[in-house]
Amino acid sequence: MIVILFALFFFLVQVFEYVSASFAINDSVFGSCFYMLTGFHGLHVFAGGAFLIVCFIRFLLLHFTRAHHFGFEASI
């Protein structure tokens, strides 16, 4: 649950950073690299957060056992 909250916090900080940036994606090479790198990192955090949310719901529904827990291992 803590990692899911960290992912949400990351998105909030990322939105603030995009809104308050003094440059745009088409201003310079720095702007292009900045938005590309942070965008890919945001996509990575989004995908990982989605996997962890699904696993957390499955954990609450008692879908995992000692022998059947590959979905959780794959997400972490």
C-alpha atoms as a PDB file:
ATOM      1  CA  MET A   1       0.000   0.000   0.000  1.00  0.00           C
ATOM      2  CA  ILE A   2       2.884   2.370   0.741  1.00  0.00           C
ATOM      3  CA  VAL A   3       4.379   1.893  -2.733  1.00  0.00           C
ATOM      4  CA  ILE A   4       0.995   2.668  -4.306  1.00  0.00           C
ATOM      5  CA  LEU A   5       0.849   5.890  -2.277  1.00  0.00           C
ATOM      6  CA  PHE A   6       4.383   6.748  -3.407  1.00  0.00           C
ATOM      7  CA  ALA A   7       3.319   6.272  -7.038  1.00  0.00           C
ATOM      8  CA  LEU A   8       0.363   8.619  -6.507  1.00  0.00           C
ATOM      9  CA  PHE A   9       2.652  11.173  -4.852  1.00  0.00           C
ATOM     10  CA  PHE A  10       5.064  10.897  -7.792  1.00  0.00           C
ATOM     11  CA  PHE A  11       2.263  11.696 -10.237  1.00  0.00           C
ATOM     12  CA  LEU A  12       1.192  14.727  -8.223  1.00  0.00           C
ATOM     13  CA  VAL A  13       4.749  16.050  -8.102  1.00  0.00           C
ATOM     14  CA  GLN A  14       5.190  15.333 -11.811  1.00  0.00           C
ATOM     15  CA  VAL A  15       2.050  17.277 -12.702  1.00  0.00           C
ATOM     16  CA  PHE A  16       3.253  20.206 -10.591  1.00  0.00           C
ATOM     17  CA  GLU A  17       6.659  20.048 -12.288  1.00  0.00           C
ATOM     18  CA  TYR A  18       5.130  20.023 -15.789  1.00  0.00           C
ATOM     19  CA  VAL A  19       2.805  22.931 -14.995  1.00  0.00           C
ATOM     20  CA  SER A  20       5.464  25.094 -13.376  1.00  0.00           C
ATOM     21  CA  ALA A  21       8.301  24.435 -15.858  1.00  0.00           C
ATOM     22  CA  SER A  22       9.593  27.550 -17.593  1.00  0.00           C
ATOM     23  CA  PHE A  23      10.327  25.654 -20.815  1.00  0.00           C
ATOM     24  CA  ALA A  24       8.346  23.552 -23.252  1.00  0.00           C
ATOM     25  CA  ILE A  25       9.066  20.386 -25.185  1.00  0.00           C
ATOM     26  CA  ASN A  26       9.822  22.375 -28.349  1.00  0.00           C
ATOM     27  CA  ASP A  27      12.059  25.047 -26.745  1.00  0.00           C
ATOM     28  CA  SER A  28      15.387  23.237 -26.798  1.00  0.00           C
ATOM     29  CA  VAL A  29      17.140  19.905 -26.637  1.00  0.00           C
ATOM     30  CA  PHE A  30      16.935  20.130 -22.846  1.00  0.00           C
ATOM     31  CA  GLY A  31      13.146  20.468 -22.979  1.00  0.00           C
ATOM     32  CA  SER A  32      12.822  17.520 -25.343  1.00  0.00           C
ATOM     33  CA  CYS A  33      15.085  15.290 -23.245  1.00  0.00           C
ATOM     34  CA  PHE A  34      13.432  16.378 -20.000  1.00  0.00           C
ATOM     35  CA  TYR A  35       9.901  15.589 -21.153  1.00  0.00           C
ATOM     36  CA  MET A  36      10.949  12.351 -22.862  1.00  0.00           C
ATOM     37  CA  LEU A  37      12.831  10.994 -19.835  1.00  0.00           C
ATOM     38  CA  THR A  38      10.300  12.050 -17.230  1.00  0.00           C
ATOM     39  CA  GLY A  39       7.468  10.869 -19.465  1.00  0.00           C
ATOM     40  CA  PHE A  40       8.973   7.408 -19.845  1.00  0.00           C
ATOM     41  CA  HIS A  41       9.640   7.252 -16.125  1.00  0.00           C
ATOM     42  CA  GLY A  42       6.037   8.294 -15.465  1.00  0.00           C
ATOM     43  CA  LEU A  43       4.816   5.553 -17.803  1.00  0.00           C
ATOM     44  CA  HIS A  44       6.984   3.054 -15.925  1.00  0.00           C
ATOM     45  CA  VAL A  45       5.592   4.187 -12.567  1.00  0.00           C
ATOM     46  CA  PHE A  46       2.036   4.073 -13.930  1.00  0.00           C
ATOM     47  CA  ALA A  47       2.418   0.515 -15.222  1.00  0.00           C
ATOM     48  CA  GLY A  48       4.056  -0.683 -12.000  1.00  0.00           C
ATOM     49  CA  GLY A  49       1.411   1.054  -9.909  1.00  0.00           C
ATOM     50  CA  ALA A  50      -1.369  -0.555 -11.929  1.00  0.00           C
ATOM     51  CA  PHE A  51       0.174  -4.011 -11.442  1.00  0.00           C
ATOM     52  CA  LEU A  52       0.556  -3.403  -7.721  1.00  0.00           C
ATOM     53  CA  ILE A  53      -3.030  -2.163  -7.357  1.00  0.00           C
ATOM     54  CA  VAL A  54      -4.311  -5.317  -9.057  1.00  0.00           C
ATOM     55  CA  CYS A  55      -2.118  -7.479  -6.815  1.00  0.00           C
ATOM     56  CA  PHE A  56      -3.261  -5.591  -3.718  1.00  0.00           C
ATOM     57  CA  ILE A  57      -6.914  -6.192  -4.618  1.00  0.00           C
ATOM     58  CA  ARG A  58      -6.175  -9.862  -5.294  1.00  0.00           C
ATOM     59  CA  PHE A  59      -4.392 -10.048  -1.932  1.00  0.00           C
ATOM     60  CA  LEU A  60      -7.434  -8.612  -0.166  1.00  0.00           C
ATOM     61  CA  LEU A  61      -9.636 -11.167  -1.939  1.00  0.00           C
ATOM     62  CA  LEU A  62      -7.291 -13.991  -0.792  1.00  0.00           C
ATOM     63  CA  HIS A  63      -6.366 -15.095  -4.314  1.00  0.00           C
ATOM     64  CA  PHE A  64      -2.757 -15.860  -3.393  1.00  0.00           C
ATOM     65  CA  THR A  65      -1.540 -19.026  -1.681  1.00  0.00           C
ATOM     66  CA  ARG A  66       1.901 -20.387  -0.871  1.00  0.00           C
ATOM     67  CA  ALA A  67       1.909 -22.330  -4.138  1.00  0.00           C
ATOM     68  CA  HIS A  68      -0.011 -19.846  -6.315  1.00  0.00           C
ATOM     69  CA  HIS A  69       1.481 -16.355  -6.176  1.00  0.00           C
ATOM     70  CA  PHE A  70       3.315 -15.818  -9.463  1.00  0.00           C
ATOM     71  CA  GLY A  71       1.253 -12.721 -10.321  1.00  0.00           C
ATOM     72  CA  PHE A  72       2.548 -11.002  -7.216  1.00  0.00           C
ATOM     73  CA  GLU A  73       6.139 -12.046  -7.876  1.00  0.00           C
ATOM     74  CA  ALA A  74       5.904 -10.855 -11.465  1.00  0.00           C
ATOM     75  CA  SER A  75       4.624  -7.448 -10.408  1.00  0.00           C
ATOM     76  CA  ILE A  76       7.381  -6.816  -7.891  1.00  0.00           C
END
